């Protein structure tokens, strides 16, 4: 039995070392040098070439190398019968929450404004804080932690999601209450999973329903945002700005207008990065469960998309 690592454009050395540390005799094959595809029964994927999995006639389990699985579910070569697992890591949650808090505080305390004032040698003490109420779209493990930590800092918070949640600890709005949710907040955080319901949800129609001047933070997936609509929303002053960590195309092309838009702050998909040494035990556990025919951990619900 062999395990394949398929992660084009990324150095696999850290994953190889982590997996071998936790299982010294594991048989690894690493893309693009996979010469025994018939031996591969488990594949570790991140942004793999679409259709590539057709080469593995004995594949029995797919594992994402991160928390997201949209890059796997979007591949028509991934049959419905194949189980998919993902990484669940407290460190991912900690990093993501810290990033969102950074974005909220920068907006609340107007850090970008004051950095601009410094360059212009402007001393302006007026309105040093923006009253801030934060809405989080997607209140699973990541979104729930963001709500808890922001609430602990004294911010008013509300949540939004596509599933019913009884007795949720904060005000919560469901799919048919999206407009009511948007009118509650002036910082909008997207942490939704990428599904057929959520792809393109951050669009001009939604921005027109927001409170005027709302600030957007997208740390979920690039495909949640219609990028040209964000530029229109900024020009029409529907939104006051945005902090983006994810994009339709990554790396962001040199000619992309986001680079020159001073109302957008961007980072290169680093809000929460999987640590191979921390994640490897989960992969090895599922590898052993595959061998012994036991139920997998962190199994993805295909209907929900996560």
C-alpha atoms as a PDB file:
ATOM      1  CA  UNK A   1       0.000   0.000   0.000  1.00  0.00           C
ATOM      2  CA  UNK A   2       1.341   3.398  -1.018  1.00  0.00           C
ATOM      3  CA  UNK A   3       0.441   6.974  -0.102  1.00  0.00           C
ATOM      4  CA  UNK A   4       0.759   9.701  -2.754  1.00  0.00           C
ATOM      5  CA  UNK A   5       1.431  13.394  -2.105  1.00  0.00           C
ATOM      6  CA  UNK A   6       0.067  15.525  -4.937  1.00  0.00           C
ATOM      7  CA  UNK A   7       0.607  19.235  -4.355  1.00  0.00           C
ATOM      8  CA  UNK A   8       1.961  20.946  -7.492  1.00  0.00           C
ATOM      9  CA  UNK A   9       3.977  24.129  -7.019  1.00  0.00           C
ATOM     10  CA  UNK A  10       4.668  23.479  -3.334  1.00  0.00           C
ATOM     11  CA  UNK A  11       7.776  21.985  -1.786  1.00  0.00           C
ATOM     12  CA  UNK A  12       6.691  18.622  -0.312  1.00  0.00           C
ATOM     13  CA  UNK A  13       9.786  18.163   1.878  1.00  0.00           C
ATOM     14  CA  UNK A  14       8.093  19.270   5.115  1.00  0.00           C
ATOM     15  CA  UNK A  15       5.196  16.862   4.533  1.00  0.00           C
ATOM     16  CA  UNK A  16       7.541  13.992   3.699  1.00  0.00           C
ATOM     17  CA  UNK A  17       9.588  14.611   6.846  1.00  0.00           C
ATOM     18  CA  UNK A  18       6.482  14.930   9.053  1.00  0.00           C
ATOM     19  CA  UNK A  19       4.856  11.755   7.744  1.00  0.00           C
ATOM     20  CA  UNK A  20       8.056   9.757   8.045  1.00  0.00           C
ATOM     21  CA  UNK A  21       8.588  11.100  11.560  1.00  0.00           C
ATOM     22  CA  UNK A  22       5.233   9.674  12.625  1.00  0.00           C
ATOM     23  CA  UNK A  23       5.476   6.498  10.499  1.00  0.00           C
ATOM     24  CA  UNK A  24       9.058   5.611   9.574  1.00  0.00           C
ATOM     25  CA  UNK A  25       8.181   2.776   7.175  1.00  0.00           C
ATOM     26  CA  UNK A  26       5.376   4.448   5.243  1.00  0.00           C
ATOM     27  CA  UNK A  27       5.600   4.047   1.462  1.00  0.00           C
ATOM     28  CA  UNK A  28       5.422   7.535  -0.088  1.00  0.00           C
ATOM     29  CA  UNK A  29       5.222   8.541  -3.728  1.00  0.00           C
ATOM     30  CA  UNK A  30       5.422  12.242  -4.532  1.00  0.00           C
ATOM     31  CA  UNK A  31       4.029  14.041  -7.575  1.00  0.00           C
ATOM     32  CA  UNK A  32       5.207  14.253 -10.324  1.00  0.00           C
ATOM     33  CA  UNK A  33       7.395  11.184  -9.725  1.00  0.00           C
ATOM     34  CA  UNK A  34       4.683   8.599  -9.161  1.00  0.00           C
ATOM     35  CA  UNK A  35       5.844   5.462 -10.969  1.00  0.00           C
ATOM     36  CA  UNK A  36       3.601   2.922  -9.201  1.00  0.00           C
ATOM     37  CA  UNK A  37       0.101   4.424  -9.412  1.00  0.00           C
ATOM     38  CA  UNK A  38      -1.484   0.985  -9.019  1.00  0.00           C
ATOM     39  CA  UNK A  39      -0.055   0.806  -5.469  1.00  0.00           C
ATOM     40  CA  UNK A  40      -1.602   4.106  -4.342  1.00  0.00           C
ATOM     41  CA  UNK A  41      -4.567   3.595  -2.008  1.00  0.00           C
ATOM     42  CA  UNK A  42      -4.497   6.985  -0.255  1.00  0.00           C
ATOM     43  CA  UNK A  43      -3.817  10.369  -1.873  1.00  0.00           C
ATOM     44  CA  UNK A  44      -2.923  13.622  -0.102  1.00  0.00           C
ATOM     45  CA  UNK A  45      -4.045  16.557  -2.218  1.00  0.00           C
ATOM     46  CA  UNK A  46      -3.717  20.297  -2.453  1.00  0.00           C
ATOM     47  CA  UNK A  47      -4.684  21.951  -5.754  1.00  0.00           C
ATOM     48  CA  UNK A  48      -4.006  18.746  -7.673  1.00  0.00           C
ATOM     49  CA  UNK A  49      -4.354  18.646 -11.485  1.00  0.00           C
ATOM     50  CA  UNK A  50      -8.005  18.089 -12.322  1.00  0.00           C
ATOM     51  CA  UNK A  51      -8.577  14.580 -13.638  1.00  0.00           C
ATOM     52  CA  UNK A  52      -5.217  13.286 -12.432  1.00  0.00           C
ATOM     53  CA  UNK A  53      -6.751  10.828  -9.984  1.00  0.00           C
ATOM     54  CA  UNK A  54      -7.986   8.669 -12.883  1.00  0.00           C
ATOM     55  CA  UNK A  55      -4.453   7.230 -12.886  1.00  0.00           C
ATOM     56  CA  UNK A  56      -5.011   5.479  -9.561  1.00  0.00           C
ATOM     57  CA  UNK A  57      -7.071   2.339 -10.094  1.00  0.00           C
ATOM     58  CA  UNK A  58      -6.880   1.242  -6.433  1.00  0.00           C
ATOM     59  CA  UNK A  59      -7.449   4.589  -4.715  1.00  0.00           C
ATOM     60  CA  UNK A  60      -9.577   4.148  -1.580  1.00  0.00           C
ATOM     61  CA  UNK A  61      -9.177   7.407   0.395  1.00  0.00           C
ATOM     62  CA  UNK A  62      -8.474  11.072  -0.328  1.00  0.00           C
ATOM     63  CA  UNK A  63      -7.123  13.484   2.260  1.00  0.00           C
ATOM     64  CA  UNK A  64      -6.911  17.223   1.867  1.00  0.00           C
ATOM     65  CA  UNK A  65      -3.657  18.776   3.052  1.00  0.00           C
ATOM     66  CA  UNK A  66      -5.695  21.566   4.660  1.00  0.00           C
ATOM     67  CA  UNK A  67      -9.096  22.325   6.104  1.00  0.00           C
ATOM     68  CA  UNK A  68     -10.623  23.126   2.703  1.00  0.00           C
ATOM     69  CA  UNK A  69     -11.869  20.462   0.312  1.00  0.00           C
ATOM     70  CA  UNK A  70     -13.419  22.498  -2.513  1.00  0.00           C
ATOM     71  CA  UNK A  71     -10.365  21.811  -4.695  1.00  0.00           C
ATOM     72  CA  UNK A  72     -11.208  18.107  -4.394  1.00  0.00           C
ATOM     73  CA  UNK A  73     -14.992  18.269  -4.707  1.00  0.00           C
ATOM     74  CA  UNK A  74     -14.708  20.379  -7.869  1.00  0.00           C
ATOM     75  CA  UNK A  75     -12.860  17.565  -9.687  1.00  0.00           C
ATOM     76  CA  UNK A  76     -15.301  15.397 -11.688  1.00  0.00           C
ATOM     77  CA  UNK A  77     -12.734  12.561 -11.570  1.00  0.00           C
ATOM     78  CA  UNK A  78     -13.359  12.196  -7.817  1.00  0.00           C
ATOM     79  CA  UNK A  79     -16.100   9.595  -7.669  1.00  0.00           C
ATOM     80  CA  UNK A  80     -18.942   9.833  -5.187  1.00  0.00           C
ATOM     81  CA  UNK A  81     -17.865   6.537  -3.645  1.00  0.00           C
ATOM     82  CA  UNK A  82     -14.458   7.849  -2.564  1.00  0.00           C
ATOM     83  CA  UNK A  83     -14.319   9.033   1.077  1.00  0.00           C
ATOM     84  CA  UNK A  84     -12.643  12.398   1.665  1.00  0.00           C
ATOM     85  CA  UNK A  85     -11.086  13.557   4.918  1.00  0.00           C
ATOM     86  CA  UNK A  86      -9.626  16.920   5.884  1.00  0.00           C
ATOM     87  CA  UNK A  87      -7.274  18.476   8.419  1.00  0.00           C
ATOM     88  CA  UNK A  88      -8.704  19.784  11.694  1.00  0.00           C
ATOM     89  CA  UNK A  89      -6.063  21.659  13.674  1.00  0.00           C
ATOM     90  CA  UNK A  90      -6.440  23.977  16.675  1.00  0.00           C
ATOM     91  CA  UNK A  91      -3.430  25.961  15.453  1.00  0.00           C
ATOM     92  CA  UNK A  92      -5.286  26.701  12.201  1.00  0.00           C
ATOM     93  CA  UNK A  93      -8.158  28.101  14.251  1.00  0.00           C
ATOM     94  CA  UNK A  94      -5.805  30.163  16.435  1.00  0.00           C
ATOM     95  CA  UNK A  95      -4.039  31.672  13.406  1.00  0.00           C
ATOM     96  CA  UNK A  96      -7.267  32.417  11.551  1.00  0.00           C
ATOM     97  CA  UNK A  97      -8.855  34.092  14.555  1.00  0.00           C
ATOM     98  CA  UNK A  98      -5.780  36.249  15.161  1.00  0.00           C
ATOM     99  CA  UNK A  99      -5.788  37.353  11.520  1.00  0.00           C
ATOM    100  CA  UNK A 100      -9.456  38.351  11.618  1.00  0.00           C
ATOM    101  CA  UNK A 101      -8.975  40.185  14.919  1.00  0.00           C
ATOM    102  CA  UNK A 102      -6.072  42.065  13.347  1.00  0.00           C
ATOM    103  CA  UNK A 103      -8.322  43.129  10.472  1.00  0.00           C
ATOM    104  CA  UNK A 104     -11.179  44.163  12.748  1.00  0.00           C
ATOM    105  CA  UNK A 105      -8.893  46.178  15.044  1.00  0.00           C
ATOM    106  CA  UNK A 106      -7.178  47.876  12.106  1.00  0.00           C
ATOM    107  CA  UNK A 107     -10.609  48.986  10.892  1.00  0.00           C
ATOM    108  CA  UNK A 108     -11.905  49.908  14.346  1.00  0.00           C
ATOM    109  CA  UNK A 109      -8.809  51.949  15.274  1.00  0.00           C
ATOM    110  CA  UNK A 110      -8.272  53.237  11.700  1.00  0.00           C
ATOM    111  CA  UNK A 111      -4.693  52.043  11.396  1.00  0.00           C
ATOM    112  CA  UNK A 112      -4.664  52.387   7.599  1.00  0.00           C
ATOM    113  CA  UNK A 113      -5.859  55.998   7.894  1.00  0.00           C
ATOM    114  CA  UNK A 114      -3.126  56.845  10.398  1.00  0.00           C
ATOM    115  CA  UNK A 115      -0.430  55.199   8.288  1.00  0.00           C
ATOM    116  CA  UNK A 116      -1.522  57.450   5.447  1.00  0.00           C
ATOM    117  CA  UNK A 117      -1.538  60.474   7.745  1.00  0.00           C
ATOM    118  CA  UNK A 118       2.013  59.673   8.816  1.00  0.00           C
ATOM    119  CA  UNK A 119       3.234  59.763   5.225  1.00  0.00           C
ATOM    120  CA  UNK A 120       1.525  63.147   4.728  1.00  0.00           C
ATOM    121  CA  UNK A 121       2.656  64.474   8.147  1.00  0.00           C
ATOM    122  CA  UNK A 122      -0.977  64.999   9.177  1.00  0.00           C
ATOM    123  CA  UNK A 123      -1.861  65.210  12.895  1.00  0.00           C
ATOM    124  CA  UNK A 124      -5.595  64.428  13.066  1.00  0.00           C
ATOM    125  CA  UNK A 125      -7.030  63.325  16.421  1.00  0.00           C
ATOM    126  CA  UNK A 126     -10.665  63.360  15.288  1.00  0.00           C
ATOM    127  CA  UNK A 127     -12.791  60.222  15.582  1.00  0.00           C
ATOM    128  CA  UNK A 128     -10.036  57.779  16.599  1.00  0.00           C
ATOM    129  CA  UNK A 129     -12.437  54.817  16.797  1.00  0.00           C
ATOM    130  CA  UNK A 130     -15.146  53.579  14.451  1.00  0.00           C
ATOM    131  CA  UNK A 131     -18.102  52.000  16.300  1.00  0.00           C
ATOM    132  CA  UNK A 132     -17.900  48.400  15.132  1.00  0.00           C
ATOM    133  CA  UNK A 133     -20.339  45.483  15.019  1.00  0.00           C
ATOM    134  CA  UNK A 134     -18.978  42.357  13.349  1.00  0.00           C
ATOM    135  CA  UNK A 135     -20.926  39.816  11.333  1.00  0.00           C
ATOM    136  CA  UNK A 136     -19.356  36.453  10.581  1.00  0.00           C
ATOM    137  CA  UNK A 137     -20.639  34.409   7.658  1.00  0.00           C
ATOM    138  CA  UNK A 138     -19.939  30.775   8.478  1.00  0.00           C
ATOM    139  CA  UNK A 139     -19.983  29.893  12.165  1.00  0.00           C
ATOM    140  CA  UNK A 140     -18.363  26.465  12.301  1.00  0.00           C
ATOM    141  CA  UNK A 141     -15.176  25.800  14.262  1.00  0.00           C
ATOM    142  CA  UNK A 142     -13.315  28.755  12.724  1.00  0.00           C
ATOM    143  CA  UNK A 143     -16.182  31.236  12.653  1.00  0.00           C
ATOM    144  CA  UNK A 144     -17.345  30.273  16.119  1.00  0.00           C
ATOM    145  CA  UNK A 145     -13.903  30.935  17.555  1.00  0.00           C
ATOM    146  CA  UNK A 146     -13.747  34.319  15.802  1.00  0.00           C
ATOM    147  CA  UNK A 147     -17.092  35.262  17.355  1.00  0.00           C
ATOM    148  CA  UNK A 148     -15.965  34.139  20.820  1.00  0.00           C
ATOM    149  CA  UNK A 149     -12.674  36.032  20.749  1.00  0.00           C
ATOM    150  CA  UNK A 150     -14.169  39.243  19.332  1.00  0.00           C
ATOM    151  CA  UNK A 151     -16.954  39.073  21.897  1.00  0.00           C
ATOM    152  CA  UNK A 152     -14.304  38.669  24.570  1.00  0.00           C
ATOM    153  CA  UNK A 153     -12.693  41.897  23.351  1.00  0.00           C
ATOM    154  CA  UNK A 154     -15.993  43.702  23.822  1.00  0.00           C
ATOM    155  CA  UNK A 155     -17.247  43.798  20.225  1.00  0.00           C
ATOM    156  CA  UNK A 156     -20.882  43.131  19.416  1.00  0.00           C
ATOM    157  CA  UNK A 157     -21.039  40.102  17.100  1.00  0.00           C
ATOM    158  CA  UNK A 158     -23.646  38.266  15.045  1.00  0.00           C
ATOM    159  CA  UNK A 159     -23.474  35.114  12.944  1.00  0.00           C
ATOM    160  CA  UNK A 160     -24.890  33.933   9.626  1.00  0.00           C
ATOM    161  CA  UNK A 161     -25.082  30.472   8.114  1.00  0.00           C
ATOM    162  CA  UNK A 162     -26.997  28.143   5.823  1.00  0.00           C
ATOM    163  CA  UNK A 163     -28.027  25.650   8.487  1.00  0.00           C
ATOM    164  CA  UNK A 164     -30.420  25.909  11.393  1.00  0.00           C
ATOM    165  CA  UNK A 165     -28.792  26.470  14.786  1.00  0.00           C
ATOM    166  CA  UNK A 166     -30.931  26.271  17.900  1.00  0.00           C
ATOM    167  CA  UNK A 167     -29.795  28.092  21.037  1.00  0.00           C
ATOM    168  CA  UNK A 168     -26.737  29.598  19.331  1.00  0.00           C
ATOM    169  CA  UNK A 169     -24.759  31.705  21.795  1.00  0.00           C
ATOM    170  CA  UNK A 170     -24.924  34.868  19.653  1.00  0.00           C
ATOM    171  CA  UNK A 171     -27.608  36.424  17.461  1.00  0.00           C
ATOM    172  CA  UNK A 172     -27.814  34.133  14.428  1.00  0.00           C
ATOM    173  CA  UNK A 173     -29.365  34.601  10.986  1.00  0.00           C
ATOM    174  CA  UNK A 174     -30.162  31.853   8.483  1.00  0.00           C
ATOM    175  CA  UNK A 175     -30.102  31.808   4.679  1.00  0.00           C
ATOM    176  CA  UNK A 176     -33.473  33.509   4.229  1.00  0.00           C
ATOM    177  CA  UNK A 177     -32.450  36.263   6.683  1.00  0.00           C
ATOM    178  CA  UNK A 178     -29.326  37.429   4.844  1.00  0.00           C
ATOM    179  CA  UNK A 179     -30.559  40.990   4.294  1.00  0.00           C
ATOM    180  CA  UNK A 180     -31.515  41.387   7.961  1.00  0.00           C
ATOM    181  CA  UNK A 181     -28.072  40.076   8.939  1.00  0.00           C
ATOM    182  CA  UNK A 182     -26.227  42.534   6.690  1.00  0.00           C
ATOM    183  CA  UNK A 183     -28.101  45.482   8.171  1.00  0.00           C
ATOM    184  CA  UNK A 184     -26.856  44.519  11.646  1.00  0.00           C
ATOM    185  CA  UNK A 185     -23.118  44.955  10.968  1.00  0.00           C
ATOM    186  CA  UNK A 186     -20.461  47.243   9.530  1.00  0.00           C
ATOM    187  CA  UNK A 187     -17.648  44.673   9.378  1.00  0.00           C
ATOM    188  CA  UNK A 188     -18.448  41.590   7.301  1.00  0.00           C
ATOM    189  CA  UNK A 189     -16.224  38.513   7.688  1.00  0.00           C
ATOM    190  CA  UNK A 190     -16.535  35.625   5.225  1.00  0.00           C
ATOM    191  CA  UNK A 191     -15.589  32.224   6.648  1.00  0.00           C
ATOM    192  CA  UNK A 192     -18.099  30.165   4.679  1.00  0.00           C
ATOM    193  CA  UNK A 193     -17.186  26.819   3.133  1.00  0.00           C
ATOM    194  CA  UNK A 194     -17.137  26.943  -0.664  1.00  0.00           C
ATOM    195  CA  UNK A 195     -20.255  25.181  -1.947  1.00  0.00           C
ATOM    196  CA  UNK A 196     -22.735  25.653  -4.776  1.00  0.00           C
ATOM    197  CA  UNK A 197     -24.742  27.869  -2.399  1.00  0.00           C
ATOM    198  CA  UNK A 198     -21.826  30.108  -1.445  1.00  0.00           C
ATOM    199  CA  UNK A 199     -19.729  30.484  -4.610  1.00  0.00           C
ATOM    200  CA  UNK A 200     -19.957  34.122  -5.725  1.00  0.00           C
ATOM    201  CA  UNK A 201     -22.006  35.121  -2.674  1.00  0.00           C
ATOM    202  CA  UNK A 202     -19.901  38.265  -2.160  1.00  0.00           C
ATOM    203  CA  UNK A 203     -21.320  40.130  -5.134  1.00  0.00           C
ATOM    204  CA  UNK A 204     -22.731  43.532  -6.021  1.00  0.00           C
ATOM    205  CA  UNK A 205     -26.268  42.506  -5.099  1.00  0.00           C
ATOM    206  CA  UNK A 206     -25.096  41.597  -1.590  1.00  0.00           C
ATOM    207  CA  UNK A 207     -22.961  44.741  -1.275  1.00  0.00           C
ATOM    208  CA  UNK A 208     -25.999  46.888  -2.116  1.00  0.00           C
ATOM    209  CA  UNK A 209     -27.800  45.335   0.856  1.00  0.00           C
ATOM    210  CA  UNK A 210     -24.989  46.107   3.291  1.00  0.00           C
ATOM    211  CA  UNK A 211     -24.874  49.132   5.540  1.00  0.00           C
ATOM    212  CA  UNK A 212     -23.175  51.873   3.565  1.00  0.00           C
ATOM    213  CA  UNK A 213     -19.474  51.921   4.383  1.00  0.00           C
ATOM    214  CA  UNK A 214     -19.246  48.291   5.508  1.00  0.00           C
ATOM    215  CA  UNK A 215     -15.719  46.846   5.630  1.00  0.00           C
ATOM    216  CA  UNK A 216     -15.200  43.377   4.094  1.00  0.00           C
ATOM    217  CA  UNK A 217     -12.793  40.687   5.309  1.00  0.00           C
ATOM    218  CA  UNK A 218     -12.557  37.556   3.141  1.00  0.00           C
ATOM    219  CA  UNK A 219     -10.448  34.732   4.558  1.00  0.00           C
ATOM    220  CA  UNK A 220     -12.467  31.808   3.164  1.00  0.00           C
ATOM    221  CA  UNK A 221     -12.000  31.168  -0.574  1.00  0.00           C
ATOM    222  CA  UNK A 222     -11.321  33.424  -3.529  1.00  0.00           C
ATOM    223  CA  UNK A 223     -14.343  32.073  -5.384  1.00  0.00           C
ATOM    224  CA  UNK A 224     -16.668  33.512  -2.768  1.00  0.00           C
ATOM    225  CA  UNK A 225     -15.938  36.990  -4.127  1.00  0.00           C
ATOM    226  CA  UNK A 226     -16.872  38.436  -7.517  1.00  0.00           C
ATOM    227  CA  UNK A 227     -13.753  40.576  -7.735  1.00  0.00           C
ATOM    228  CA  UNK A 228     -14.982  43.115 -10.265  1.00  0.00           C
ATOM    229  CA  UNK A 229     -18.078  43.681  -8.111  1.00  0.00           C
ATOM    230  CA  UNK A 230     -15.893  44.632  -5.171  1.00  0.00           C
ATOM    231  CA  UNK A 231     -14.234  47.362  -7.246  1.00  0.00           C
ATOM    232  CA  UNK A 232     -17.656  48.711  -8.242  1.00  0.00           C
ATOM    233  CA  UNK A 233     -18.816  48.631  -4.615  1.00  0.00           C
ATOM    234  CA  UNK A 234     -15.776  50.633  -3.558  1.00  0.00           C
ATOM    235  CA  UNK A 235     -16.263  53.195  -6.305  1.00  0.00           C
ATOM    236  CA  UNK A 236     -19.930  53.592  -5.374  1.00  0.00           C
ATOM    237  CA  UNK A 237     -18.926  53.830  -1.685  1.00  0.00           C
ATOM    238  CA  UNK A 238     -21.135  50.894  -0.794  1.00  0.00           C
ATOM    239  CA  UNK A 239     -18.107  49.489   1.018  1.00  0.00           C
ATOM    240  CA  UNK A 240     -15.356  51.491   2.709  1.00  0.00           C
ATOM    241  CA  UNK A 241     -12.606  48.950   2.137  1.00  0.00           C
ATOM    242  CA  UNK A 242     -11.572  45.326   2.249  1.00  0.00           C
ATOM    243  CA  UNK A 243      -8.963  42.982   3.664  1.00  0.00           C
ATOM    244  CA  UNK A 244      -8.448  39.987   1.387  1.00  0.00           C
ATOM    245  CA  UNK A 245      -6.329  36.898   1.934  1.00  0.00           C
ATOM    246  CA  UNK A 246      -7.774  34.729  -0.860  1.00  0.00           C
ATOM    247  CA  UNK A 247      -8.294  35.355  -4.575  1.00  0.00           C
ATOM    248  CA  UNK A 248      -9.810  33.842  -7.709  1.00  0.00           C
ATOM    249  CA  UNK A 249      -6.305  33.298  -9.108  1.00  0.00           C
ATOM    250  CA  UNK A 250      -3.266  32.753  -6.895  1.00  0.00           C
ATOM    251  CA  UNK A 251      -0.655  34.129  -6.961  1.00  0.00           C
ATOM    252  CA  UNK A 252      -2.495  37.341  -7.779  1.00  0.00           C
ATOM    253  CA  UNK A 253      -1.494  38.362 -11.352  1.00  0.00           C
ATOM    254  CA  UNK A 254       0.797  41.387 -11.681  1.00  0.00           C
ATOM    255  CA  UNK A 255      -1.783  43.271 -13.741  1.00  0.00           C
ATOM    256  CA  UNK A 256      -4.633  42.739 -11.264  1.00  0.00           C
ATOM    257  CA  UNK A 257      -6.282  46.022 -10.191  1.00  0.00           C
ATOM    258  CA  UNK A 258      -6.302  45.018  -6.519  1.00  0.00           C
ATOM    259  CA  UNK A 259      -2.558  45.739  -6.283  1.00  0.00           C
ATOM    260  CA  UNK A 260      -3.138  49.467  -6.871  1.00  0.00           C
ATOM    261  CA  UNK A 261      -6.416  49.916  -4.978  1.00  0.00           C
ATOM    262  CA  UNK A 262      -5.497  51.645  -1.710  1.00  0.00           C
ATOM    263  CA  UNK A 263      -8.859  50.762  -0.147  1.00  0.00           C
ATOM    264  CA  UNK A 264      -7.929  47.078  -0.378  1.00  0.00           C
ATOM    265  CA  UNK A 265      -5.320  45.486   1.857  1.00  0.00           C
ATOM    266  CA  UNK A 266      -4.191  42.085   0.629  1.00  0.00           C
ATOM    267  CA  UNK A 267      -2.087  39.224   1.952  1.00  0.00           C
ATOM    268  CA  UNK A 268      -0.888  36.112   0.039  1.00  0.00           C
ATOM    269  CA  UNK A 269      -3.199  33.422   1.478  1.00  0.00           C
ATOM    270  CA  UNK A 270      -1.390  33.249   4.811  1.00  0.00           C
ATOM    271  CA  UNK A 271      -4.209  33.849   7.299  1.00  0.00           C
ATOM    272  CA  UNK A 272      -4.017  30.224   8.439  1.00  0.00           C
ATOM    273  CA  UNK A 273      -1.401  27.810   7.085  1.00  0.00           C
ATOM    274  CA  UNK A 274      -1.353  24.090   7.848  1.00  0.00           C
ATOM    275  CA  UNK A 275       1.626  22.911   9.904  1.00  0.00           C
ATOM    276  CA  UNK A 276       2.715  19.527   8.462  1.00  0.00           C
ATOM    277  CA  UNK A 277       4.185  18.236  11.736  1.00  0.00           C
ATOM    278  CA  UNK A 278       0.950  19.031  13.590  1.00  0.00           C
ATOM    279  CA  UNK A 279      -1.297  17.661  10.835  1.00  0.00           C
ATOM    280  CA  UNK A 280       0.640  14.471  10.038  1.00  0.00           C
ATOM    281  CA  UNK A 281      -0.746  12.419  12.980  1.00  0.00           C
ATOM    282  CA  UNK A 282      -4.292  12.833  11.615  1.00  0.00           C
ATOM    283  CA  UNK A 283      -3.168  11.621   8.204  1.00  0.00           C
ATOM    284  CA  UNK A 284      -1.314   8.652   9.673  1.00  0.00           C
ATOM    285  CA  UNK A 285      -4.328   7.781  11.825  1.00  0.00           C
ATOM    286  CA  UNK A 286      -6.567   7.644   8.744  1.00  0.00           C
ATOM    287  CA  UNK A 287      -3.872   5.689   6.895  1.00  0.00           C
ATOM    288  CA  UNK A 288      -3.950   3.066   9.672  1.00  0.00           C
ATOM    289  CA  UNK A 289      -7.749   3.068   9.722  1.00  0.00           C
ATOM    290  CA  UNK A 290      -7.769   2.430   5.983  1.00  0.00           C
ATOM    291  CA  UNK A 291      -5.554  -0.613   6.512  1.00  0.00           C
ATOM    292  CA  UNK A 292      -7.655  -1.942   9.399  1.00  0.00           C
ATOM    293  CA  UNK A 293     -11.035  -1.018   7.871  1.00  0.00           C
ATOM    294  CA  UNK A 294     -12.077   1.330  10.689  1.00  0.00           C
ATOM    295  CA  UNK A 295     -14.177   4.535  10.379  1.00  0.00           C
ATOM    296  CA  UNK A 296     -12.163   7.597   9.323  1.00  0.00           C
ATOM    297  CA  UNK A 297     -11.692  10.733  11.393  1.00  0.00           C
ATOM    298  CA  UNK A 298     -12.524  14.218  10.039  1.00  0.00           C
ATOM    299  CA  UNK A 299     -14.683  12.713   7.305  1.00  0.00           C
ATOM    300  CA  UNK A 300     -16.174  15.262   4.901  1.00  0.00           C
ATOM    301  CA  UNK A 301     -19.935  15.435   4.467  1.00  0.00           C
ATOM    302  CA  UNK A 302     -20.294  15.766   0.698  1.00  0.00           C
ATOM    303  CA  UNK A 303     -23.816  17.154   0.974  1.00  0.00           C
ATOM    304  CA  UNK A 304     -22.633  20.074   3.086  1.00  0.00           C
ATOM    305  CA  UNK A 305     -19.306  20.377   1.264  1.00  0.00           C
ATOM    306  CA  UNK A 306     -17.123  20.303   4.385  1.00  0.00           C
END
